[in-house]
Amino acid sequence: MLYDCRSPADRDRGIAAAIEAVKNGELVVLPTDTVYGIGADAFTPYAVKALLDAKGRGRQMPPPVLIGSRHTLDGLVFSLPTAARDLVEAFWPGALTIVVEHSPSLQWDLGDKAGTVAVRMPLHPVALEVLRETGPMAVSSANKTGQPAAVTAEEARDQLGYSVRAYLEAGPCPDPVPSTIVDLTGEVPQLLRAGAIPLEKLRDVVPDLVDGQGA
């Protein structure tokens, strides 16, 4: 079902429905500050598999994890590098995804990820309201693999159909540029994907960041 979150009453119903769906292991589509995302509870393996199946994607491309608070990050990683903390302080919530080594004790299965996870805290009130109730969610762009990323929930529904329990519509994405991805698992921070936050701004915070896109 699609809920128009631009209407206060529909927003409340939609957010409640999305939270319930995620807790039941079902899929939802929600707005973010980049493009719309399809999400599932990160700690429910069959829900993550359903997400990958809905997109037509295999385990070799595990979905990022979205969180609703910076503090949640401390519960996901064993030891957070100083560069990661500095970047989070500067750009979260926002369009920065960081790749870090997750705590080995976490009971989740996001795919073939070799002990690392890509994490982001989005700058969107609807997404944050959902995430603060559900906890960490596996979230990928709300589209079939190979198709354009959805910039409205209605576009996402056209592609994903009945595989998703609740669609939260908040209007077109104002700036549908993907998030910037920085890998912080090695000795030197690396830019993996250029996106909404330019390299120069990142280097203002982490001067030794290297552009690893050609690696």
N, C-alpha and C. Protein backbone atom coordinates (compact mmCIF):
# COMPACT_ATOMS: atom_id res chain seq x y z
N MET A 1 0.84 -1.20 0.00
CA MET A 1 0.00 0.00 0.00
C MET A 1 0.88 1.25 0.00
N LEU A 2 0.45 2.29 -0.71
CA LEU A 2 1.20 3.53 -0.78
C LEU A 2 0.57 4.58 0.14
N TYR A 3 1.40 5.19 0.97
CA TYR A 3 0.96 6.24 1.89
C TYR A 3 1.62 7.56 1.49
N ASP A 4 0.81 8.62 1.39
CA ASP A 4 1.33 9.93 1.02
C ASP A 4 1.74 10.68 2.29
N CYS A 5 3.04 10.70 2.56
CA CYS A 5 3.54 11.29 3.80
C CYS A 5 3.52 12.81 3.78
N ARG A 6 3.05 13.40 2.67
CA ARG A 6 2.87 14.85 2.63
C ARG A 6 1.59 15.25 3.34
N SER A 7 0.73 14.27 3.61
CA SER A 7 -0.48 14.48 4.41
C SER A 7 -0.19 14.01 5.84
N PRO A 8 -0.38 14.87 6.84
CA PRO A 8 -0.03 14.49 8.23
C PRO A 8 -0.69 13.18 8.68
N ALA A 9 -1.97 13.00 8.37
CA ALA A 9 -2.66 11.78 8.81
C ALA A 9 -2.10 10.55 8.09
N ASP A 10 -1.90 10.69 6.78
CA ASP A 10 -1.37 9.56 6.00
C ASP A 10 0.07 9.27 6.41
N ARG A 11 0.80 10.32 6.75
CA ARG A 11 2.19 10.14 7.20
C ARG A 11 2.23 9.27 8.46
N ASP A 12 1.40 9.60 9.43
CA ASP A 12 1.38 8.82 10.67
C ASP A 12 1.01 7.37 10.41
N ARG A 13 0.01 7.16 9.58
CA ARG A 13 -0.41 5.79 9.26
C ARG A 13 0.68 5.05 8.50
N GLY A 14 1.29 5.75 7.57
CA GLY A 14 2.33 5.13 6.75
C GLY A 14 3.55 4.73 7.56
N ILE A 15 4.00 5.63 8.42
CA ILE A 15 5.17 5.33 9.24
C ILE A 15 4.88 4.16 10.17
N ALA A 16 3.68 4.15 10.76
CA ALA A 16 3.30 3.03 11.63
C ALA A 16 3.27 1.72 10.85
N ALA A 17 2.71 1.78 9.64
CA ALA A 17 2.64 0.57 8.81
C ALA A 17 4.03 0.08 8.40
N ALA A 18 4.91 1.03 8.08
CA ALA A 18 6.27 0.66 7.68
C ALA A 18 7.03 0.03 8.85
N ILE A 19 6.89 0.59 10.03
CA ILE A 19 7.57 0.04 11.22
C ILE A 19 7.07 -1.37 11.49
N GLU A 20 5.77 -1.55 11.43
CA GLU A 20 5.19 -2.89 11.66
C GLU A 20 5.68 -3.88 10.61
N ALA A 21 5.72 -3.44 9.34
CA ALA A 21 6.16 -4.33 8.26
C ALA A 21 7.61 -4.77 8.47
N VAL A 22 8.48 -3.82 8.81
CA VAL A 22 9.90 -4.16 9.01
C VAL A 22 10.05 -5.14 10.17
N LYS A 23 9.32 -4.91 11.25
CA LYS A 23 9.42 -5.80 12.41
C LYS A 23 8.87 -7.19 12.10
N ASN A 24 8.00 -7.27 11.09
CA ASN A 24 7.44 -8.56 10.67
C ASN A 24 8.27 -9.23 9.57
N GLY A 25 9.41 -8.62 9.23
CA GLY A 25 10.28 -9.21 8.22
C GLY A 25 9.85 -8.93 6.79
N GLU A 26 9.02 -7.89 6.61
CA GLU A 26 8.56 -7.53 5.27
C GLU A 26 9.35 -6.33 4.74
N LEU A 27 9.13 -6.02 3.46
CA LEU A 27 9.88 -4.96 2.80
C LEU A 27 9.09 -3.66 2.78
N VAL A 28 9.81 -2.54 2.83
CA VAL A 28 9.19 -1.22 2.72
C VAL A 28 10.02 -0.38 1.75
N VAL A 29 9.37 0.64 1.19
CA VAL A 29 10.08 1.65 0.40
C VAL A 29 9.92 2.98 1.13
N LEU A 30 11.04 3.67 1.31
CA LEU A 30 11.00 4.93 2.05
C LEU A 30 11.89 5.96 1.37
N PRO A 31 11.56 7.25 1.58
CA PRO A 31 12.38 8.31 0.99
C PRO A 31 13.67 8.49 1.76
N THR A 32 14.73 8.89 1.07
CA THR A 32 15.95 9.32 1.74
C THR A 32 16.36 10.66 1.12
N ASP A 33 17.50 11.18 1.54
CA ASP A 33 17.98 12.44 1.00
C ASP A 33 18.66 12.27 -0.35
N THR A 34 18.79 11.04 -0.83
CA THR A 34 19.37 10.80 -2.15
C THR A 34 18.27 10.29 -3.07
N VAL A 35 18.05 8.98 -3.11
CA VAL A 35 16.95 8.40 -3.87
C VAL A 35 16.11 7.55 -2.92
N TYR A 36 14.97 7.05 -3.42
CA TYR A 36 14.14 6.19 -2.59
C TYR A 36 14.84 4.85 -2.38
N GLY A 37 14.62 4.29 -1.18
CA GLY A 37 15.27 3.03 -0.86
C GLY A 37 14.26 1.94 -0.55
N ILE A 38 14.63 0.69 -0.86
CA ILE A 38 13.85 -0.47 -0.44
C ILE A 38 14.57 -1.06 0.76
N GLY A 39 13.84 -1.27 1.85
CA GLY A 39 14.50 -1.64 3.09
C GLY A 39 13.88 -2.84 3.78
N ALA A 40 14.70 -3.47 4.64
CA ALA A 40 14.29 -4.62 5.44
C ALA A 40 15.09 -4.61 6.73
N ASP A 41 14.59 -5.32 7.73
CA ASP A 41 15.32 -5.45 8.98
C ASP A 41 16.68 -6.10 8.71
N ALA A 42 17.76 -5.42 9.11
CA ALA A 42 19.11 -5.91 8.82
C ALA A 42 19.42 -7.22 9.54
N PHE A 43 18.67 -7.52 10.60
CA PHE A 43 18.97 -8.71 11.40
C PHE A 43 18.02 -9.88 11.11
N THR A 44 17.22 -9.76 10.05
CA THR A 44 16.33 -10.85 9.65
C THR A 44 16.79 -11.37 8.29
N PRO A 45 17.54 -12.48 8.28
CA PRO A 45 18.16 -12.95 7.03
C PRO A 45 17.17 -13.17 5.89
N TYR A 46 15.98 -13.73 6.18
CA TYR A 46 15.04 -13.98 5.08
C TYR A 46 14.50 -12.68 4.51
N ALA A 47 14.45 -11.63 5.34
CA ALA A 47 13.99 -10.32 4.85
C ALA A 47 15.04 -9.70 3.94
N VAL A 48 16.32 -9.84 4.32
CA VAL A 48 17.40 -9.33 3.47
C VAL A 48 17.42 -10.09 2.15
N LYS A 49 17.20 -11.42 2.21
CA LYS A 49 17.15 -12.21 0.97
C LYS A 49 15.99 -11.75 0.09
N ALA A 50 14.84 -11.45 0.71
CA ALA A 50 13.69 -10.97 -0.05
C ALA A 50 14.01 -9.63 -0.73
N LEU A 51 14.77 -8.78 -0.04
CA LEU A 51 15.18 -7.50 -0.62
C LEU A 51 16.04 -7.73 -1.87
N LEU A 52 17.04 -8.60 -1.75
CA LEU A 52 17.91 -8.89 -2.89
C LEU A 52 17.12 -9.51 -4.03
N ASP A 53 16.18 -10.41 -3.69
CA ASP A 53 15.35 -11.05 -4.72
C ASP A 53 14.47 -10.02 -5.43
N ALA A 54 13.91 -9.09 -4.66
CA ALA A 54 13.02 -8.07 -5.25
C ALA A 54 13.78 -7.21 -6.25
N LYS A 55 15.05 -6.94 -5.96
CA LYS A 55 15.88 -6.14 -6.86
C LYS A 55 16.47 -6.96 -8.00
N GLY A 56 16.47 -8.30 -7.85
CA GLY A 56 17.13 -9.13 -8.84
C GLY A 56 18.64 -9.08 -8.68
N ARG A 57 19.08 -9.08 -7.43
CA ARG A 57 20.51 -8.93 -7.12
C ARG A 57 20.98 -10.12 -6.30
N GLY A 58 22.23 -10.52 -6.49
CA GLY A 58 22.78 -11.65 -5.77
C GLY A 58 23.49 -11.25 -4.49
N ARG A 59 23.96 -12.27 -3.76
CA ARG A 59 24.63 -12.04 -2.47
C ARG A 59 25.98 -11.35 -2.61
N GLN A 60 26.51 -11.32 -3.83
CA GLN A 60 27.82 -10.69 -4.02
C GLN A 60 27.75 -9.17 -3.91
N MET A 61 26.53 -8.61 -3.87
CA MET A 61 26.36 -7.16 -3.72
C MET A 61 25.48 -6.89 -2.49
N PRO A 62 26.03 -7.04 -1.29
CA PRO A 62 25.24 -6.84 -0.07
C PRO A 62 24.75 -5.41 0.05
N PRO A 63 23.54 -5.22 0.57
CA PRO A 63 22.99 -3.86 0.70
C PRO A 63 23.65 -3.09 1.84
N PRO A 64 23.72 -1.77 1.71
CA PRO A 64 24.17 -0.94 2.83
C PRO A 64 23.16 -1.01 3.98
N VAL A 65 23.58 -0.50 5.13
CA VAL A 65 22.72 -0.44 6.30
C VAL A 65 22.49 1.02 6.66
N LEU A 66 21.22 1.38 6.83
CA LEU A 66 20.87 2.74 7.27
C LEU A 66 20.53 2.71 8.75
N ILE A 67 20.95 3.75 9.46
CA ILE A 67 20.68 3.85 10.89
C ILE A 67 20.06 5.20 11.20
N GLY A 68 19.37 5.27 12.34
CA GLY A 68 18.65 6.48 12.69
C GLY A 68 19.35 7.38 13.68
N SER A 69 20.54 6.95 14.14
CA SER A 69 21.29 7.73 15.12
C SER A 69 22.77 7.43 14.97
N ARG A 70 23.59 8.44 15.19
CA ARG A 70 25.05 8.22 15.15
C ARG A 70 25.48 7.20 16.20
N HIS A 71 24.80 7.21 17.34
CA HIS A 71 25.19 6.31 18.44
C HIS A 71 25.03 4.84 18.05
N THR A 72 24.12 4.56 17.13
CA THR A 72 23.91 3.17 16.70
C THR A 72 25.18 2.60 16.09
N LEU A 73 25.98 3.46 15.48
CA LEU A 73 27.21 3.00 14.82
C LEU A 73 28.13 2.29 15.81
N ASP A 74 28.18 2.78 17.04
CA ASP A 74 29.07 2.19 18.04
C ASP A 74 28.68 0.75 18.36
N GLY A 75 27.41 0.42 18.19
CA GLY A 75 26.96 -0.94 18.45
C GLY A 75 27.21 -1.89 17.29
N LEU A 76 27.58 -1.34 16.14
CA LEU A 76 27.77 -2.16 14.95
C LEU A 76 29.24 -2.48 14.68
N VAL A 77 30.13 -1.67 15.21
CA VAL A 77 31.56 -1.85 14.90
C VAL A 77 32.33 -2.15 16.17
N PHE A 78 33.41 -2.91 16.02
CA PHE A 78 34.25 -3.28 17.16
C PHE A 78 35.13 -2.10 17.55
N SER A 79 35.72 -1.46 16.55
CA SER A 79 36.57 -0.30 16.81
C SER A 79 36.46 0.65 15.62
N LEU A 80 36.01 1.86 15.89
CA LEU A 80 35.79 2.81 14.80
C LEU A 80 37.04 3.68 14.62
N PRO A 81 37.61 3.70 13.40
CA PRO A 81 38.80 4.53 13.16
C PRO A 81 38.50 6.01 13.40
N THR A 82 39.54 6.74 13.76
CA THR A 82 39.39 8.18 14.01
C THR A 82 38.86 8.89 12.77
N ALA A 83 39.34 8.51 11.59
CA ALA A 83 38.87 9.15 10.35
C ALA A 83 37.38 8.94 10.17
N ALA A 84 36.88 7.76 10.55
CA ALA A 84 35.44 7.48 10.43
C ALA A 84 34.65 8.39 11.36
N ARG A 85 35.14 8.53 12.59
CA ARG A 85 34.42 9.40 13.54
C ARG A 85 34.41 10.85 13.04
N ASP A 86 35.51 11.29 12.49
CA ASP A 86 35.59 12.67 12.00
C ASP A 86 34.63 12.90 10.84
N LEU A 87 34.55 11.94 9.93
CA LEU A 87 33.65 12.06 8.78
C LEU A 87 32.19 12.02 9.22
N VAL A 88 31.87 11.14 10.14
CA VAL A 88 30.51 11.05 10.66
C VAL A 88 30.11 12.36 11.33
N GLU A 89 31.03 12.91 12.11
CA GLU A 89 30.76 14.17 12.81
C GLU A 89 30.49 15.30 11.81
N ALA A 90 31.20 15.27 10.69
CA ALA A 90 31.08 16.35 9.71
C ALA A 90 29.88 16.20 8.78
N PHE A 91 29.53 14.96 8.43
CA PHE A 91 28.59 14.78 7.31
C PHE A 91 27.32 13.98 7.64
N TRP A 92 27.18 13.50 8.85
CA TRP A 92 25.94 12.78 9.22
C TRP A 92 25.05 13.66 10.06
N PRO A 93 23.74 13.56 9.89
CA PRO A 93 23.08 12.81 8.82
C PRO A 93 23.32 13.46 7.46
N GLY A 94 23.45 12.62 6.44
CA GLY A 94 23.70 13.15 5.11
C GLY A 94 24.11 12.07 4.13
N ALA A 95 24.59 12.52 2.97
CA ALA A 95 24.81 11.61 1.84
C ALA A 95 26.21 11.02 1.82
N LEU A 96 26.66 10.54 2.99
CA LEU A 96 27.97 9.88 3.09
C LEU A 96 27.77 8.46 3.62
N THR A 97 28.25 7.48 2.85
CA THR A 97 28.26 6.08 3.28
C THR A 97 29.69 5.71 3.63
N ILE A 98 29.87 5.12 4.81
CA ILE A 98 31.21 4.68 5.20
C ILE A 98 31.24 3.15 5.27
N VAL A 99 32.34 2.59 4.79
CA VAL A 99 32.54 1.14 4.87
C VAL A 99 33.50 0.87 6.03
N VAL A 100 33.02 0.08 6.99
CA VAL A 100 33.82 -0.21 8.19
C VAL A 100 33.74 -1.71 8.48
N GLU A 101 34.64 -2.17 9.33
CA GLU A 101 34.59 -3.56 9.79
C GLU A 101 33.54 -3.66 10.89
N HIS A 102 32.56 -4.56 10.69
CA HIS A 102 31.51 -4.67 11.70
C HIS A 102 31.94 -5.63 12.81
N SER A 103 31.29 -5.53 13.95
CA SER A 103 31.59 -6.38 15.09
C SER A 103 31.32 -7.85 14.72
N PRO A 104 32.26 -8.75 15.01
CA PRO A 104 32.06 -10.15 14.64
C PRO A 104 30.92 -10.82 15.39
N SER A 105 30.44 -10.20 16.45
CA SER A 105 29.36 -10.80 17.24
C SER A 105 27.98 -10.55 16.65
N LEU A 106 27.88 -9.69 15.64
CA LEU A 106 26.57 -9.35 15.09
C LEU A 106 25.93 -10.56 14.41
N GLN A 107 24.67 -10.79 14.73
CA GLN A 107 23.93 -11.90 14.15
C GLN A 107 23.13 -11.42 12.94
N TRP A 108 23.83 -11.23 11.84
CA TRP A 108 23.13 -10.85 10.62
C TRP A 108 23.79 -11.51 9.42
N ASP A 109 23.10 -11.48 8.29
CA ASP A 109 23.63 -12.05 7.05
C ASP A 109 23.19 -11.14 5.92
N LEU A 110 24.07 -10.21 5.55
CA LEU A 110 23.74 -9.24 4.51
C LEU A 110 24.20 -9.69 3.12
N GLY A 111 24.93 -10.80 3.09
CA GLY A 111 25.49 -11.26 1.82
C GLY A 111 26.97 -11.55 1.98
N ASP A 112 27.66 -11.64 0.86
CA ASP A 112 29.09 -11.97 0.88
C ASP A 112 29.90 -10.69 1.10
N LYS A 113 30.13 -10.36 2.35
CA LYS A 113 30.68 -9.04 2.68
C LYS A 113 32.03 -9.08 3.38
N ALA A 114 32.52 -10.28 3.74
CA ALA A 114 33.86 -10.43 4.30
C ALA A 114 34.10 -9.55 5.53
N GLY A 115 33.12 -9.48 6.42
CA GLY A 115 33.31 -8.80 7.70
C GLY A 115 33.17 -7.29 7.67
N THR A 116 32.75 -6.73 6.54
CA THR A 116 32.60 -5.28 6.46
C THR A 116 31.14 -4.92 6.18
N VAL A 117 30.80 -3.68 6.46
CA VAL A 117 29.44 -3.20 6.20
C VAL A 117 29.51 -1.73 5.78
N ALA A 118 28.64 -1.35 4.86
CA ALA A 118 28.50 0.04 4.44
C ALA A 118 27.35 0.66 5.23
N VAL A 119 27.61 1.76 5.93
CA VAL A 119 26.63 2.34 6.85
C VAL A 119 26.40 3.82 6.51
N ARG A 120 25.13 4.24 6.67
CA ARG A 120 24.79 5.64 6.43
C ARG A 120 23.65 6.06 7.34
N MET A 121 23.65 7.31 7.72
CA MET A 121 22.52 7.92 8.43
C MET A 121 21.94 8.99 7.50
N PRO A 122 20.75 8.74 6.94
CA PRO A 122 20.20 9.66 5.94
C PRO A 122 19.62 10.93 6.55
N LEU A 123 19.63 11.99 5.78
CA LEU A 123 19.05 13.26 6.23
C LEU A 123 17.65 13.39 5.64
N HIS A 124 16.72 12.62 6.18
CA HIS A 124 15.32 12.72 5.77
C HIS A 124 14.43 12.39 6.96
N PRO A 125 13.50 13.28 7.31
CA PRO A 125 12.72 13.09 8.54
C PRO A 125 11.89 11.80 8.55
N VAL A 126 11.33 11.42 7.41
CA VAL A 126 10.52 10.19 7.37
C VAL A 126 11.40 8.97 7.58
N ALA A 127 12.52 8.91 6.88
CA ALA A 127 13.44 7.79 7.04
C ALA A 127 13.93 7.69 8.48
N LEU A 128 14.31 8.82 9.07
CA LEU A 128 14.83 8.80 10.44
C LEU A 128 13.78 8.37 11.44
N GLU A 129 12.54 8.77 11.22
CA GLU A 129 11.47 8.39 12.13
C GLU A 129 11.25 6.88 12.10
N VAL A 130 11.31 6.30 10.91
CA VAL A 130 11.18 4.85 10.79
C VAL A 130 12.37 4.14 11.44
N LEU A 131 13.57 4.59 11.09
CA LEU A 131 14.79 3.92 11.55
C LEU A 131 14.95 3.98 13.07
N ARG A 132 14.49 5.04 13.69
CA ARG A 132 14.63 5.14 15.14
C ARG A 132 13.75 4.13 15.87
N GLU A 133 12.73 3.63 15.19
CA GLU A 133 11.86 2.61 15.78
C GLU A 133 12.27 1.19 15.37
N THR A 134 12.77 1.04 14.16
CA THR A 134 13.09 -0.31 13.67
C THR A 134 14.49 -0.75 14.03
N GLY A 135 15.40 0.21 14.25
CA GLY A 135 16.81 -0.13 14.35
C GLY A 135 17.41 -0.25 12.96
N PRO A 136 18.65 -0.74 12.85
CA PRO A 136 19.34 -0.78 11.57
C PRO A 136 18.56 -1.54 10.50
N MET A 137 18.50 -0.93 9.32
CA MET A 137 17.82 -1.55 8.19
C MET A 137 18.78 -1.73 7.02
N ALA A 138 18.70 -2.88 6.37
CA ALA A 138 19.38 -3.07 5.09
C ALA A 138 18.56 -2.31 4.05
N VAL A 139 19.19 -1.38 3.35
CA VAL A 139 18.47 -0.53 2.40
C VAL A 139 19.29 -0.36 1.12
N SER A 140 18.64 -0.61 0.00
CA SER A 140 19.26 -0.40 -1.31
C SER A 140 18.34 0.48 -2.13
N SER A 141 18.83 1.01 -3.23
CA SER A 141 17.98 1.87 -4.06
C SER A 141 16.75 1.09 -4.51
N ALA A 142 15.60 1.78 -4.52
CA ALA A 142 14.31 1.13 -4.75
C ALA A 142 14.04 0.96 -6.24
N ASN A 143 14.75 0.03 -6.85
CA ASN A 143 14.57 -0.24 -8.27
C ASN A 143 15.06 -1.64 -8.58
N LYS A 144 14.61 -2.18 -9.70
CA LYS A 144 15.17 -3.43 -10.19
C LYS A 144 16.59 -3.17 -10.66
N THR A 145 17.48 -4.13 -10.45
CA THR A 145 18.87 -3.99 -10.89
C THR A 145 18.91 -3.72 -12.40
N GLY A 146 19.62 -2.67 -12.77
CA GLY A 146 19.73 -2.29 -14.18
C GLY A 146 18.72 -1.24 -14.61
N GLN A 147 17.73 -0.96 -13.74
CA GLN A 147 16.73 0.06 -14.05
C GLN A 147 17.07 1.36 -13.32
N PRO A 148 16.50 2.49 -13.77
CA PRO A 148 16.80 3.76 -13.09
C PRO A 148 16.35 3.74 -11.64
N ALA A 149 17.12 4.41 -10.77
CA ALA A 149 16.73 4.54 -9.37
C ALA A 149 15.46 5.36 -9.27
N ALA A 150 14.56 4.93 -8.39
CA ALA A 150 13.27 5.61 -8.22
C ALA A 150 13.46 6.92 -7.46
N VAL A 151 12.84 7.98 -7.96
CA VAL A 151 12.89 9.26 -7.26
C VAL A 151 11.55 9.62 -6.64
N THR A 152 10.56 8.72 -6.76
CA THR A 152 9.31 8.81 -6.00
C THR A 152 8.94 7.39 -5.59
N ALA A 153 8.06 7.29 -4.59
CA ALA A 153 7.59 5.96 -4.17
C ALA A 153 6.74 5.33 -5.27
N GLU A 154 6.03 6.17 -6.02
CA GLU A 154 5.20 5.65 -7.11
C GLU A 154 6.07 5.00 -8.19
N GLU A 155 7.19 5.61 -8.51
CA GLU A 155 8.12 5.00 -9.47
C GLU A 155 8.64 3.66 -8.95
N ALA A 156 8.93 3.62 -7.64
CA ALA A 156 9.41 2.38 -7.04
C ALA A 156 8.34 1.30 -7.12
N ARG A 157 7.09 1.68 -6.88
CA ARG A 157 5.99 0.69 -6.93
C ARG A 157 5.83 0.14 -8.34
N ASP A 158 6.04 0.98 -9.35
CA ASP A 158 5.94 0.50 -10.73
C ASP A 158 6.95 -0.61 -11.01
N GLN A 159 8.11 -0.54 -10.36
CA GLN A 159 9.16 -1.53 -10.58
C GLN A 159 9.05 -2.73 -9.64
N LEU A 160 8.69 -2.48 -8.39
CA LEU A 160 8.79 -3.52 -7.36
C LEU A 160 7.46 -4.17 -7.00
N GLY A 161 6.36 -3.49 -7.29
CA GLY A 161 5.03 -4.08 -7.14
C GLY A 161 4.72 -4.64 -5.77
N TYR A 162 4.19 -5.87 -5.77
CA TYR A 162 3.68 -6.47 -4.54
C TYR A 162 4.77 -7.10 -3.67
N SER A 163 6.02 -6.99 -4.08
CA SER A 163 7.09 -7.51 -3.22
C SER A 163 7.29 -6.64 -1.99
N VAL A 164 6.75 -5.42 -2.03
CA VAL A 164 6.90 -4.45 -0.94
C VAL A 164 5.57 -4.27 -0.22
N ARG A 165 5.62 -4.28 1.11
CA ARG A 165 4.41 -4.17 1.92
C ARG A 165 3.90 -2.73 2.01
N ALA A 166 4.80 -1.78 2.24
CA ALA A 166 4.38 -0.38 2.43
C ALA A 166 5.30 0.55 1.66
N TYR A 167 4.70 1.47 0.92
CA TYR A 167 5.44 2.50 0.18
C TYR A 167 5.16 3.85 0.85
N LEU A 168 6.22 4.55 1.22
CA LEU A 168 6.07 5.88 1.83
C LEU A 168 6.45 6.93 0.80
N GLU A 169 5.45 7.68 0.36
CA GLU A 169 5.65 8.72 -0.65
C GLU A 169 5.87 10.06 0.03
N ALA A 170 6.95 10.74 -0.35
CA ALA A 170 7.23 12.07 0.19
C ALA A 170 7.52 13.06 -0.93
N GLY A 171 7.10 12.72 -2.15
CA GLY A 171 7.36 13.59 -3.29
C GLY A 171 8.70 13.29 -3.93
N PRO A 172 8.99 13.92 -5.07
CA PRO A 172 10.24 13.66 -5.78
C PRO A 172 11.46 14.02 -4.96
N CYS A 173 12.52 13.24 -5.09
CA CYS A 173 13.79 13.55 -4.42
C CYS A 173 14.32 14.88 -4.95
N PRO A 174 14.66 15.80 -4.07
CA PRO A 174 15.11 17.12 -4.53
C PRO A 174 16.47 17.08 -5.23
N ASP A 175 17.30 16.11 -4.85
CA ASP A 175 18.65 16.06 -5.43
C ASP A 175 19.07 14.59 -5.54
N PRO A 176 18.57 13.87 -6.56
CA PRO A 176 18.78 12.42 -6.64
C PRO A 176 20.18 12.01 -7.09
N VAL A 177 21.16 12.44 -6.31
CA VAL A 177 22.55 12.04 -6.55
C VAL A 177 22.89 10.98 -5.50
N PRO A 178 23.53 9.88 -5.88
CA PRO A 178 23.83 8.84 -4.89
C PRO A 178 24.81 9.33 -3.83
N SER A 179 24.83 8.62 -2.72
CA SER A 179 25.74 9.00 -1.64
C SER A 179 27.19 8.73 -2.05
N THR A 180 28.07 9.49 -1.45
CA THR A 180 29.50 9.26 -1.59
C THR A 180 29.89 8.09 -0.68
N ILE A 181 30.75 7.18 -1.18
CA ILE A 181 31.16 6.03 -0.38
C ILE A 181 32.66 6.11 -0.09
N VAL A 182 32.99 6.00 1.19
CA VAL A 182 34.39 6.01 1.63
C VAL A 182 34.69 4.72 2.38
N ASP A 183 35.76 4.03 1.99
CA ASP A 183 36.20 2.80 2.64
C ASP A 183 37.22 3.14 3.72
N LEU A 184 36.88 2.75 4.96
CA LEU A 184 37.75 3.05 6.09
C LEU A 184 38.29 1.77 6.74
N THR A 185 38.35 0.69 5.96
CA THR A 185 38.80 -0.58 6.51
C THR A 185 40.30 -0.80 6.35
N GLY A 186 40.95 0.00 5.53
CA GLY A 186 42.39 -0.16 5.31
C GLY A 186 43.21 0.87 6.07
N GLU A 187 44.50 0.88 5.83
CA GLU A 187 45.38 1.82 6.52
C GLU A 187 45.13 3.25 6.06
N VAL A 188 44.73 3.41 4.79
CA VAL A 188 44.48 4.74 4.25
C VAL A 188 43.02 4.82 3.78
N PRO A 189 42.25 5.83 4.19
CA PRO A 189 40.87 5.97 3.73
C PRO A 189 40.82 6.12 2.21
N GLN A 190 39.84 5.44 1.58
CA GLN A 190 39.72 5.48 0.12
C GLN A 190 38.32 5.88 -0.31
N LEU A 191 38.25 6.75 -1.30
CA LEU A 191 36.98 7.07 -1.93
C LEU A 191 36.63 5.94 -2.90
N LEU A 192 35.49 5.27 -2.65
CA LEU A 192 35.07 4.18 -3.52
C LEU A 192 34.09 4.64 -4.60
N ARG A 193 33.26 5.64 -4.24
CA ARG A 193 32.29 6.16 -5.22
C ARG A 193 32.10 7.64 -4.99
N ALA A 194 32.31 8.42 -6.04
CA ALA A 194 32.00 9.85 -5.97
C ALA A 194 30.49 10.02 -5.95
N GLY A 195 30.02 10.99 -5.17
CA GLY A 195 28.58 11.20 -5.06
C GLY A 195 28.26 12.60 -4.63
N ALA A 196 27.27 12.71 -3.76
CA ALA A 196 26.73 14.02 -3.37
C ALA A 196 27.75 14.87 -2.62
N ILE A 197 28.67 14.24 -1.89
CA ILE A 197 29.69 15.00 -1.17
C ILE A 197 31.00 14.91 -1.94
N PRO A 198 31.53 16.03 -2.43
CA PRO A 198 32.73 15.99 -3.28
C PRO A 198 33.99 15.63 -2.50
N LEU A 199 34.96 15.12 -3.23
CA LEU A 199 36.24 14.69 -2.66
C LEU A 199 36.91 15.83 -1.88
N GLU A 200 36.83 17.05 -2.41
CA GLU A 200 37.51 18.17 -1.76
C GLU A 200 36.97 18.41 -0.35
N LYS A 201 35.66 18.29 -0.19
CA LYS A 201 35.06 18.50 1.14
C LYS A 201 35.48 17.39 2.10
N LEU A 202 35.56 16.17 1.59
CA LEU A 202 36.00 15.06 2.42
C LEU A 202 37.43 15.27 2.89
N ARG A 203 38.27 15.76 1.98
CA ARG A 203 39.69 15.97 2.32
C ARG A 203 39.88 17.13 3.30
N ASP A 204 38.91 18.02 3.38
CA ASP A 204 38.96 19.06 4.42
C ASP A 204 38.95 18.43 5.81
N VAL A 205 38.29 17.26 5.91
CA VAL A 205 38.15 16.56 7.19
C VAL A 205 39.22 15.48 7.34
N VAL A 206 39.46 14.73 6.26
CA VAL A 206 40.45 13.64 6.27
C VAL A 206 41.43 13.90 5.12
N PRO A 207 42.50 14.65 5.37
CA PRO A 207 43.41 15.08 4.30
C PRO A 207 44.08 13.93 3.54
N ASP A 208 44.28 12.76 4.18
CA ASP A 208 44.99 11.68 3.51
C ASP A 208 44.08 10.76 2.72
N LEU A 209 42.82 11.15 2.55
CA LEU A 209 41.88 10.36 1.74
C LEU A 209 42.37 10.26 0.30
N VAL A 210 42.39 9.04 -0.23
CA VAL A 210 42.83 8.83 -1.61
C VAL A 210 41.64 8.46 -2.47
N ASP A 211 41.73 8.79 -3.75
CA ASP A 211 40.67 8.44 -4.71
C ASP A 211 40.93 7.03 -5.21
N GLY A 212 40.15 6.08 -4.74
CA GLY A 212 40.37 4.68 -5.10
C GLY A 212 39.42 4.18 -6.17
N GLN A 213 38.76 5.09 -6.87
CA GLN A 213 37.76 4.66 -7.85
C GLN A 213 38.38 3.90 -9.04
N GLY A 214 39.64 4.20 -9.33
CA GLY A 214 40.27 3.52 -10.46
C GLY A 214 40.99 2.26 -10.05
N ALA A 215 40.92 1.95 -8.74
CA ALA A 215 41.65 0.77 -8.25
C ALA A 215 40.96 -0.51 -8.69
